[in-house]
Protein backbone atom coordinates (compact mmCIF):
# COMPACT_ATOMS: atom_id res chain seq x y z
CA MET A 1 -40.05 40.89 -180.11
CA ASP A 2 -36.35 41.44 -179.22
CA ARG A 3 -35.54 39.99 -175.84
CA GLU A 4 -34.01 43.29 -174.61
CA VAL A 5 -37.17 45.18 -175.64
CA PHE A 6 -39.33 42.57 -174.05
CA GLN A 7 -37.53 42.70 -170.76
CA GLU A 8 -37.59 46.57 -170.64
CA ARG A 9 -41.33 46.57 -171.45
CA PHE A 10 -42.37 44.08 -168.82
CA GLY A 11 -39.67 44.70 -166.22
CA ILE A 12 -38.36 41.16 -166.26
CA LEU A 13 -34.76 41.93 -165.39
CA GLY A 14 -31.63 39.85 -165.63
CA GLU A 15 -29.31 38.28 -168.21
CA SER A 16 -28.72 34.85 -166.67
CA ALA A 17 -29.43 31.71 -168.63
CA ALA A 18 -32.22 30.84 -166.24
CA ILE A 19 -34.13 34.06 -166.90
CA ARG A 20 -33.55 33.79 -170.63
CA GLN A 21 -35.24 30.33 -170.48
CA VAL A 22 -38.21 31.84 -168.67
CA ILE A 23 -38.60 34.56 -171.33
CA ASP A 24 -38.38 32.02 -174.21
CA LYS A 25 -41.11 29.97 -172.60
CA ILE A 26 -43.37 33.02 -172.07
CA VAL A 27 -43.06 33.87 -175.69
CA GLN A 28 -43.88 30.36 -176.73
CA VAL A 29 -47.08 30.01 -174.65
CA ALA A 30 -48.35 33.58 -174.73
CA LYS A 31 -50.25 33.30 -178.03
CA THR A 32 -52.13 30.07 -177.07
CA ASP A 33 -54.93 29.47 -174.53
CA ILE A 34 -52.98 26.68 -172.78
CA THR A 35 -53.16 26.68 -169.00
CA VAL A 36 -49.81 27.77 -167.37
CA LEU A 37 -48.57 26.79 -163.89
CA MET A 38 -45.83 29.01 -162.44
CA GLN A 39 -43.76 27.80 -159.60
CA GLY A 40 -41.41 29.83 -157.55
CA GLU A 41 -40.71 31.36 -154.14
CA SER A 42 -42.43 34.44 -152.91
CA GLY A 43 -41.05 37.60 -154.52
CA VAL A 44 -39.60 36.06 -157.68
CA GLY A 45 -41.99 37.89 -159.95
CA LYS A 46 -44.91 35.53 -160.69
CA ASP A 47 -47.38 38.33 -161.08
CA VAL A 48 -45.08 40.14 -163.48
CA THR A 49 -44.81 36.94 -165.58
CA ALA A 50 -48.54 36.54 -165.66
CA ARG A 51 -48.94 40.11 -166.89
CA ALA A 52 -46.34 39.56 -169.66
CA ILE A 53 -48.19 36.36 -170.80
CA HIS A 54 -51.47 38.28 -170.92
CA ALA A 55 -50.02 41.27 -172.72
CA LEU A 56 -48.54 39.14 -175.45
CA SER A 57 -51.69 37.03 -175.88
CA ASP A 58 -54.72 37.62 -178.28
CA ARG A 59 -56.75 38.35 -175.01
CA LYS A 60 -54.73 41.42 -174.28
CA HIS A 61 -57.70 43.93 -175.01
CA HIS A 62 -59.72 42.09 -172.23
CA ASP A 63 -59.24 42.05 -168.51
CA LEU A 64 -56.49 40.38 -166.55
CA VAL A 65 -58.01 39.44 -163.21
CA ILE A 66 -55.49 38.75 -160.43
CA VAL A 67 -56.62 36.54 -157.50
CA ASN A 68 -54.63 35.70 -154.41
CA CYS A 69 -56.21 32.48 -153.31
CA GLY A 70 -54.19 32.46 -150.06
CA ALA A 71 -55.54 35.87 -149.02
CA ILE A 72 -59.27 35.02 -149.29
CA PRO A 73 -60.97 33.47 -146.27
CA GLU A 74 -62.17 29.95 -146.74
CA GLY A 75 -65.78 30.77 -146.10
CA ILE A 76 -66.00 33.35 -148.99
CA ILE A 77 -63.57 32.10 -151.63
CA GLU A 78 -66.23 30.21 -153.61
CA SER A 79 -68.42 33.29 -153.71
CA GLU A 80 -65.49 35.49 -154.77
CA LEU A 81 -64.38 33.13 -157.55
CA PHE A 82 -67.80 32.13 -158.98
CA GLY A 83 -70.16 34.94 -157.68
CA HIS A 84 -73.41 34.62 -155.81
CA GLU A 85 -77.18 35.30 -156.12
CA LYS A 86 -79.15 37.72 -153.98
CA GLY A 87 -80.04 36.05 -150.67
CA ALA A 88 -77.62 33.18 -151.13
CA TYR A 89 -76.30 33.81 -147.59
CA THR A 90 -76.54 36.38 -144.84
CA GLY A 91 -75.34 39.79 -146.30
CA ALA A 92 -75.80 38.89 -149.93
CA HIS A 93 -78.12 41.75 -150.60
CA GLU A 94 -77.69 41.68 -154.33
CA ALA A 95 -76.35 39.34 -157.09
CA ARG A 96 -72.63 39.66 -157.71
CA LYS A 97 -70.27 38.47 -160.45
CA GLY A 98 -67.27 36.45 -159.40
CA TYR A 99 -63.73 36.60 -160.70
CA PHE A 100 -64.16 34.02 -163.38
CA GLU A 101 -67.19 35.94 -164.96
CA LYS A 102 -65.14 39.19 -164.82
CA ALA A 103 -62.27 37.48 -166.64
CA ASP A 104 -64.54 36.33 -169.50
CA ASN A 105 -62.60 36.46 -172.79
CA GLY A 106 -59.56 37.57 -170.78
CA THR A 107 -57.21 35.97 -168.33
CA ILE A 108 -57.44 35.03 -164.67
CA PHE A 109 -54.26 34.65 -162.64
CA LEU A 110 -54.77 32.33 -159.60
CA ASP A 111 -51.91 33.07 -157.25
CA GLU A 112 -51.21 30.71 -154.43
CA ILE A 113 -53.38 28.09 -155.97
CA GLY A 114 -52.14 25.44 -153.39
CA ASP A 115 -54.00 27.28 -150.63
CA THR A 116 -57.57 26.65 -152.12
CA PRO A 117 -59.87 24.35 -149.97
CA LYS A 118 -60.73 20.90 -151.32
CA ASN A 119 -64.35 21.77 -151.90
CA VAL A 120 -63.42 24.74 -154.09
CA GLN A 121 -60.81 22.62 -156.02
CA VAL A 122 -63.67 20.46 -157.36
CA LYS A 123 -65.30 23.52 -158.81
CA LEU A 124 -61.97 24.76 -160.27
CA LEU A 125 -61.50 21.56 -162.01
CA ARG A 126 -64.94 21.85 -163.58
CA VAL A 127 -64.41 25.32 -164.86
CA LEU A 128 -60.96 24.51 -166.18
CA GLU A 129 -62.25 21.54 -168.19
CA SER A 130 -65.58 22.95 -169.52
CA GLY A 131 -65.88 26.66 -168.49
CA GLU A 132 -68.94 25.79 -166.58
CA PHE A 133 -69.77 26.86 -162.96
CA PHE A 134 -72.62 27.76 -160.68
CA ARG A 135 -72.95 30.89 -158.71
CA VAL A 136 -73.45 30.42 -154.95
CA GLY A 137 -77.18 30.01 -154.38
CA SER A 138 -78.02 29.41 -158.05
CA SER A 139 -79.19 26.31 -159.92
CA LYS A 140 -78.57 27.95 -163.30
CA MET A 141 -75.26 27.01 -164.97
CA SER A 142 -73.09 29.82 -166.07
CA THR A 143 -70.15 29.79 -168.51
CA THR A 144 -66.81 31.60 -168.94
CA ASP A 145 -64.08 31.75 -171.56
CA ALA A 146 -61.17 32.75 -169.32
CA ARG A 147 -57.64 31.62 -169.79
CA VAL A 148 -56.11 30.32 -166.56
CA ILE A 149 -52.67 31.06 -165.18
CA ALA A 150 -51.95 29.65 -161.85
CA ALA A 151 -48.95 30.03 -159.54
CA THR A 152 -47.69 28.56 -156.29
CA ASN A 153 -44.75 28.77 -153.92
CA GLN A 154 -45.39 25.21 -152.77
CA ASP A 155 -44.58 21.70 -154.15
CA LEU A 156 -48.16 20.81 -155.42
CA TRP A 157 -47.29 17.15 -155.90
CA LYS A 158 -46.25 17.01 -152.18
CA LEU A 159 -49.72 18.46 -151.39
CA VAL A 160 -51.27 15.81 -153.50
CA GLU A 161 -49.39 13.12 -151.62
CA GLU A 162 -50.44 14.68 -148.31
CA GLY A 163 -54.08 14.70 -149.47
CA THR A 164 -54.65 18.37 -149.37
CA PHE A 165 -54.68 19.02 -153.10
CA ARG A 166 -56.65 17.00 -155.73
CA GLU A 167 -54.57 14.93 -158.04
CA ASP A 168 -56.86 15.42 -161.10
CA LEU A 169 -56.74 19.25 -160.66
CA TYR A 170 -52.96 19.03 -160.40
CA TYR A 171 -52.76 17.23 -163.83
CA ARG A 172 -55.14 19.80 -165.33
CA LEU A 173 -52.98 22.68 -164.07
CA ASP A 174 -49.63 21.23 -164.85
CA THR A 175 -49.97 21.47 -168.66
CA VAL A 176 -47.13 23.93 -169.12
CA LYS A 177 -44.88 24.69 -166.17
CA ILE A 178 -42.67 27.68 -165.80
CA LYS A 179 -40.11 27.54 -162.90
CA LEU A 180 -39.07 30.94 -161.77
CA PRO A 181 -35.61 30.65 -160.20
CA PRO A 182 -34.92 32.37 -156.82
CA LEU A 183 -32.57 35.38 -156.89
CA ARG A 184 -29.73 33.39 -155.01
CA ASP A 185 -29.61 30.84 -157.90
CA ARG A 186 -28.87 33.56 -160.48
CA LYS A 187 -26.31 35.64 -158.66
CA GLU A 188 -24.93 37.25 -161.81
CA ASP A 189 -28.26 39.20 -162.15
CA ILE A 190 -28.09 40.71 -158.66
CA ILE A 191 -25.91 43.63 -159.21
CA PRO A 192 -27.53 44.73 -162.70
CA ILE A 193 -31.02 44.45 -161.15
CA PHE A 194 -29.93 46.44 -158.07
CA ARG A 195 -28.49 49.13 -160.22
CA SER A 196 -31.68 49.21 -162.31
CA PHE A 197 -33.72 49.87 -159.12
CA VAL A 198 -31.34 52.46 -157.84
CA SER A 199 -31.63 54.43 -161.05
CA GLU A 200 -35.48 54.17 -160.89
CA PHE A 201 -35.64 55.33 -157.37
CA SER A 202 -33.02 58.10 -157.72
CA ALA A 203 -35.13 59.61 -160.51
CA LYS A 204 -38.35 59.09 -158.57
CA TYR A 205 -36.99 60.74 -155.39
CA ASP A 206 -34.62 63.23 -157.05
CA SER A 207 -31.79 61.72 -155.12
CA VAL A 208 -28.14 60.85 -155.78
CA PHE A 209 -26.79 57.45 -155.08
CA ARG A 210 -22.99 57.52 -154.90
CA GLY A 211 -22.45 53.72 -155.14
CA PHE A 212 -21.13 51.10 -152.71
CA SER A 213 -17.78 49.66 -151.72
CA GLU A 214 -16.37 46.35 -153.07
CA ASP A 215 -17.17 44.47 -149.75
CA ALA A 216 -20.81 45.85 -149.92
CA GLU A 217 -21.11 44.52 -153.50
CA GLU A 218 -19.73 41.16 -152.31
CA LEU A 219 -22.46 41.09 -149.55
CA LEU A 220 -25.14 41.86 -152.06
CA VAL A 221 -24.13 38.85 -154.13
CA SER A 222 -23.58 36.43 -151.33
CA TYR A 223 -26.78 37.30 -149.39
CA ARG A 224 -29.52 34.67 -149.69
CA TRP A 225 -32.31 37.11 -150.54
CA PRO A 226 -35.14 35.20 -149.00
CA GLY A 227 -37.57 37.84 -150.29
CA ASN A 228 -36.04 37.65 -153.85
CA ILE A 229 -36.73 40.51 -156.29
CA ARG A 230 -39.27 42.18 -153.93
CA GLU A 231 -36.66 42.25 -151.13
CA LEU A 232 -33.97 43.57 -153.44
CA ARG A 233 -36.22 46.31 -154.68
CA ASN A 234 -37.18 47.31 -151.17
CA VAL A 235 -33.50 47.51 -150.05
CA ALA A 236 -32.63 49.59 -153.12
CA GLU A 237 -35.34 52.04 -152.27
CA GLN A 238 -34.42 52.40 -148.68
CA LEU A 239 -30.77 53.01 -149.53
CA VAL A 240 -31.68 55.76 -152.06
CA VAL A 241 -33.95 57.51 -149.60
CA LEU A 242 -32.27 57.04 -146.25
CA GLU A 243 -28.61 56.93 -147.41
CA LYS A 244 -29.05 59.88 -149.73
CA SER A 245 -25.72 61.04 -151.24
CA GLN A 246 -23.79 58.64 -149.02
CA PHE A 247 -21.29 56.07 -150.17
CA VAL A 248 -22.61 52.71 -149.00
CA ASP A 249 -20.23 50.31 -147.32
CA LYS A 250 -20.74 46.77 -145.97
CA GLU A 251 -21.70 47.87 -142.43
CA THR A 252 -24.30 50.30 -143.83
CA LEU A 253 -25.78 47.70 -146.14
CA GLN A 254 -26.02 45.10 -143.36
CA LYS A 255 -28.65 47.23 -141.54
CA TYR A 256 -31.07 46.78 -144.41
CA LEU A 257 -30.70 42.94 -144.79
CA LYS A 258 -33.22 41.22 -142.73
CA GLY A 259 -32.38 37.48 -143.60
CA ARG A 260 -29.41 35.26 -143.14
CA GLN A 261 -26.11 36.94 -144.27
CA ARG A 262 -24.14 33.82 -143.84
CA GLU A 263 -24.90 30.16 -143.18
CA GLY A 264 -25.75 29.26 -139.62
CA LEU A 265 -27.47 32.51 -138.71
CA THR A 266 -31.23 32.67 -137.99
CA ASP A 267 -33.24 34.25 -140.79
CA ASN A 268 -33.82 37.54 -139.05
CA LEU A 269 -30.81 38.44 -137.11
CA PRO A 270 -28.49 40.98 -138.65
CA VAL A 271 -24.67 40.38 -138.62
CA VAL A 272 -22.90 42.65 -136.18
CA SER A 273 -19.52 43.77 -137.40
CA GLY A 274 -16.51 43.29 -135.17
CA THR A 275 -14.98 46.66 -134.46
CA ARG A 276 -13.75 46.13 -130.91
CA GLY A 277 -10.14 45.31 -130.51
CA ASP A 278 -10.42 42.99 -127.48
CA ASP A 279 -13.08 41.88 -124.95
CA SER A 280 -12.73 44.73 -122.59
CA GLU A 281 -15.75 46.65 -121.69
CA GLY A 282 -14.10 49.95 -122.48
CA ASP A 283 -13.58 48.92 -126.14
CA PHE A 284 -17.02 47.71 -126.49
CA ALA A 285 -18.50 50.99 -125.10
CA SER A 286 -16.44 52.94 -127.59
CA GLY A 287 -18.00 51.17 -130.65
CA ASP A 288 -19.52 53.50 -133.20
CA GLY A 289 -23.23 54.34 -133.43
CA ALA A 290 -23.75 51.86 -136.30
CA ASP A 291 -22.55 48.91 -134.24
CA ARG A 292 -24.75 49.95 -131.27
CA GLU A 293 -27.72 50.18 -133.57
CA LEU A 294 -27.09 46.65 -134.98
CA ILE A 295 -26.75 45.25 -131.44
CA TYR A 296 -29.94 46.95 -130.44
CA ARG A 297 -31.78 45.48 -133.49
CA ALA A 298 -30.33 42.03 -132.79
CA LEU A 299 -31.64 42.19 -129.20
CA LEU A 300 -35.15 43.22 -130.35
CA GLU A 301 -35.09 40.44 -132.86
CA LEU A 302 -33.85 37.99 -130.24
CA GLN A 303 -36.70 38.99 -127.96
CA ASN A 304 -39.28 38.34 -130.63
CA ASP A 305 -37.71 34.99 -131.43
CA MET A 306 -37.88 34.00 -127.82
CA GLY A 307 -41.58 34.88 -127.62
CA ASP A 308 -42.28 32.83 -130.69
CA LEU A 309 -40.27 29.93 -129.31
CA LYS A 310 -42.20 30.02 -126.03
CA LYS A 311 -45.47 29.78 -127.94
CA MET A 312 -44.08 26.95 -130.08
CA LEU A 313 -42.98 25.04 -127.01
CA ALA A 314 -46.30 25.41 -125.34
CA LYS A 315 -48.37 24.30 -128.30
CA PHE A 316 -46.05 21.41 -129.08
CA LEU A 317 -45.70 19.96 -125.51
CA TYR A 318 -49.14 20.94 -124.24
CA SER A 319 -51.35 20.81 -127.16
CA THR A 320 -54.16 19.20 -125.23
CA PHE A 321 -54.28 21.98 -122.60
CA SER A 322 -55.59 25.60 -122.89
CA SER A 323 -53.12 28.33 -122.45
CA LYS A 324 -54.75 29.22 -119.05
CA GLU A 325 -53.90 25.74 -117.61
CA ILE A 326 -50.17 25.97 -118.40
CA ARG A 327 -48.37 27.20 -115.39
CA ALA A 328 -45.17 25.15 -114.99
CA LEU A 329 -43.56 21.92 -116.15
CA PRO A 330 -45.11 18.93 -114.47
CA PRO A 331 -42.97 16.84 -112.17
CA ALA A 332 -40.96 14.10 -113.73
CA ILE A 333 -42.68 10.68 -114.05
CA GLN A 334 -41.16 7.97 -112.05
CA ARG A 335 -40.18 5.12 -114.40
CA ASN A 336 -40.09 1.56 -113.15
CA ILE A 337 -39.17 -1.22 -115.49
CA ASP A 338 -40.33 -4.77 -114.88
CA PRO A 339 -37.99 -7.14 -116.72
CA ASN A 340 -40.84 -9.68 -116.98
CA ASP A 341 -43.08 -7.11 -118.65
CA VAL A 342 -42.59 -7.51 -122.36
CA ASN A 343 -44.10 -4.10 -123.19
CA SER A 344 -42.03 -2.12 -120.77
CA THR A 345 -38.80 -3.90 -121.90
CA MET A 346 -39.74 -3.26 -125.57
CA TYR A 347 -40.13 0.48 -124.97
CA GLY A 348 -37.09 0.84 -122.66
CA ASP A 349 -37.14 3.48 -119.89
CA PHE A 350 -39.22 5.89 -121.82
CA ARG A 351 -42.46 3.95 -120.85
CA PRO A 352 -43.84 3.94 -117.28
CA ALA A 353 -44.64 0.53 -115.97
CA GLY A 354 -48.24 -0.46 -116.46
CA ARG A 355 -49.14 2.36 -118.92
CA GLN A 356 -51.32 1.06 -121.82
CA ASN A 357 -52.55 4.35 -123.31
CA GLU A 358 -50.55 4.59 -126.50
CA GLU A 359 -51.44 8.26 -127.27
CA GLU A 360 -50.50 9.18 -123.67
CA PHE A 361 -47.29 7.30 -124.01
CA GLU A 362 -46.27 8.95 -127.31
CA GLU A 363 -46.95 12.40 -125.79
CA ASN A 364 -44.67 11.57 -122.76
CA ARG A 365 -42.02 10.04 -125.08
CA SER A 366 -41.83 13.36 -127.02
CA LYS A 367 -41.56 15.21 -123.67
CA ASN A 368 -38.72 12.98 -122.54
CA ASP A 369 -36.95 13.36 -125.83
CA PHE A 370 -37.06 17.08 -125.27
CA GLU A 371 -35.81 16.69 -121.72
CA GLN A 372 -32.91 14.57 -122.96
CA PHE A 373 -32.21 17.06 -125.69
CA PHE A 374 -31.77 19.79 -123.20
CA GLU A 375 -29.64 17.56 -120.78
CA ASN A 376 -27.30 16.42 -123.60
CA GLN A 377 -26.86 19.84 -125.19
CA ARG A 378 -26.83 21.86 -121.90
CA ILE A 379 -28.20 25.17 -123.10
CA PRO A 380 -29.13 24.80 -126.81
CA SER A 381 -29.32 27.71 -129.14
CA ILE A 382 -32.53 29.06 -130.43
CA GLU A 383 -31.79 27.49 -133.82
CA GLU A 384 -31.15 24.06 -132.32
CA THR A 385 -34.31 24.20 -130.26
CA GLU A 386 -36.40 25.33 -133.15
CA LYS A 387 -34.88 22.66 -135.47
CA PHE A 388 -35.59 20.03 -132.88
CA LEU A 389 -39.24 20.96 -132.40
CA ILE A 390 -39.81 20.97 -136.21
CA GLU A 391 -38.21 17.62 -136.57
CA GLN A 392 -40.36 16.17 -133.70
CA ALA A 393 -43.63 17.66 -135.09
CA LEU A 394 -42.89 16.29 -138.56
CA LYS A 395 -42.12 12.88 -137.09
CA ARG A 396 -45.22 12.87 -135.07
CA PHE A 397 -47.46 13.68 -138.07
CA GLU A 398 -45.40 11.50 -140.60
CA GLY A 399 -44.25 14.43 -142.66
CA ASN A 400 -47.68 16.22 -142.91
CA ARG A 401 -46.47 19.81 -142.94
CA ARG A 402 -49.95 21.42 -142.47
CA LYS A 403 -50.62 19.51 -139.28
CA ALA A 404 -47.04 20.12 -138.05
CA SER A 405 -47.41 23.89 -138.60
CA GLU A 406 -50.69 23.98 -136.80
CA THR A 407 -49.16 22.01 -133.80
CA LEU A 408 -46.19 24.39 -133.69
CA GLY A 409 -48.33 27.51 -133.92
CA ILE A 410 -46.66 28.88 -137.08
CA SER A 411 -48.00 29.35 -140.58
CA GLU A 412 -47.31 26.74 -143.22
CA ARG A 413 -45.34 29.33 -145.17
CA THR A 414 -43.07 29.92 -142.17
CA LEU A 415 -42.66 26.17 -141.75
CA TYR A 416 -41.52 25.88 -145.39
CA ARG A 417 -38.99 28.82 -144.93
CA LYS A 418 -37.65 27.07 -141.76
CA LEU A 419 -37.25 23.76 -143.56
CA ASP A 420 -35.13 25.47 -146.12
CA GLN A 421 -33.18 27.33 -143.45
CA TYR A 422 -32.31 24.14 -141.49
CA ASP A 423 -31.95 21.90 -144.67
CA LEU A 424 -34.78 19.64 -143.55
CA ALA A 425 -35.93 17.94 -146.76
């Protein structure tokens, strides 16, 4: 099949070398039954790629079953994947097929495979190797002939090293790997893809898009696109609907971009254009409506960030207390160093004299690190504080990201995004 026809049929857009390599690999593996592991950030088109592989395979006349493993609660994921018998648990009023049975002779796409619990990973390994599985509540073995395509936005090998993902399952999945590049790594594709979406939505909504200025085009290309293709499509749709028949300039485009628009900004603060001539209050008050809207949006986002930061601080510094017990910062601990005390000299002035409880000491040392951070930096920015907390959490748990995210009160996915934002490898 011609590459251009292929791309138009399956909606895999772009002309960059990176996307051409992806298409070539799809064509190579589609006709086989080999297991495929796709790796890429959220929004890069993993589901579209899975549909293309299935549609080109000999299984195309059977079902493609799509499963988001990260969206299924841990308590029911085994039942969802492998089915259950009547009475297997409370509420199981009748027998039910699981996704693997429904995908028999077809393809099953396991998205966010890294989020599956360890007990389910054992059963996944068995069904991958032999096609055999047991329904929940059954002692009768069942079989399925389903081709498996898996996807993840995480580094599975790091999960293996952290002990949250089985090494044998990793090797079984990592037969053929397709890496889907983020949009920011194929900048030459951004404008053509954007124009394609604009044409699609203009026809859908019977609208006219009059184009955008040169500086708006430069912003489109330089923007990081944390949501990748999904975010680009969303922005194109909003512009077609909300800016109908308007020529889009940079200031207008900025209102629709939620992530960083240049290095050093937090992920969800829009850039406010400088239209005021000097610092006088009069000039500021005379700014146009677009600037006032941007400032208002920035303040709202800042308020949300402060709320999240307060929760993060509370969970990090006072993880042993309930939220009801947190009222105010405790008084500073008086530190007396005995030069004859080997332990106190070893730990310097961070350790109170006579304290032997190591866990209590480590907790207080983190608190004092935080106090010194504020003293040295005076009033740090939200970004600086957030980065500091993430570094401390990772240090405390020796790089275990799951434990760090739980302690900080944020999702693991948000932590990965923050690590990328602050360049914390």
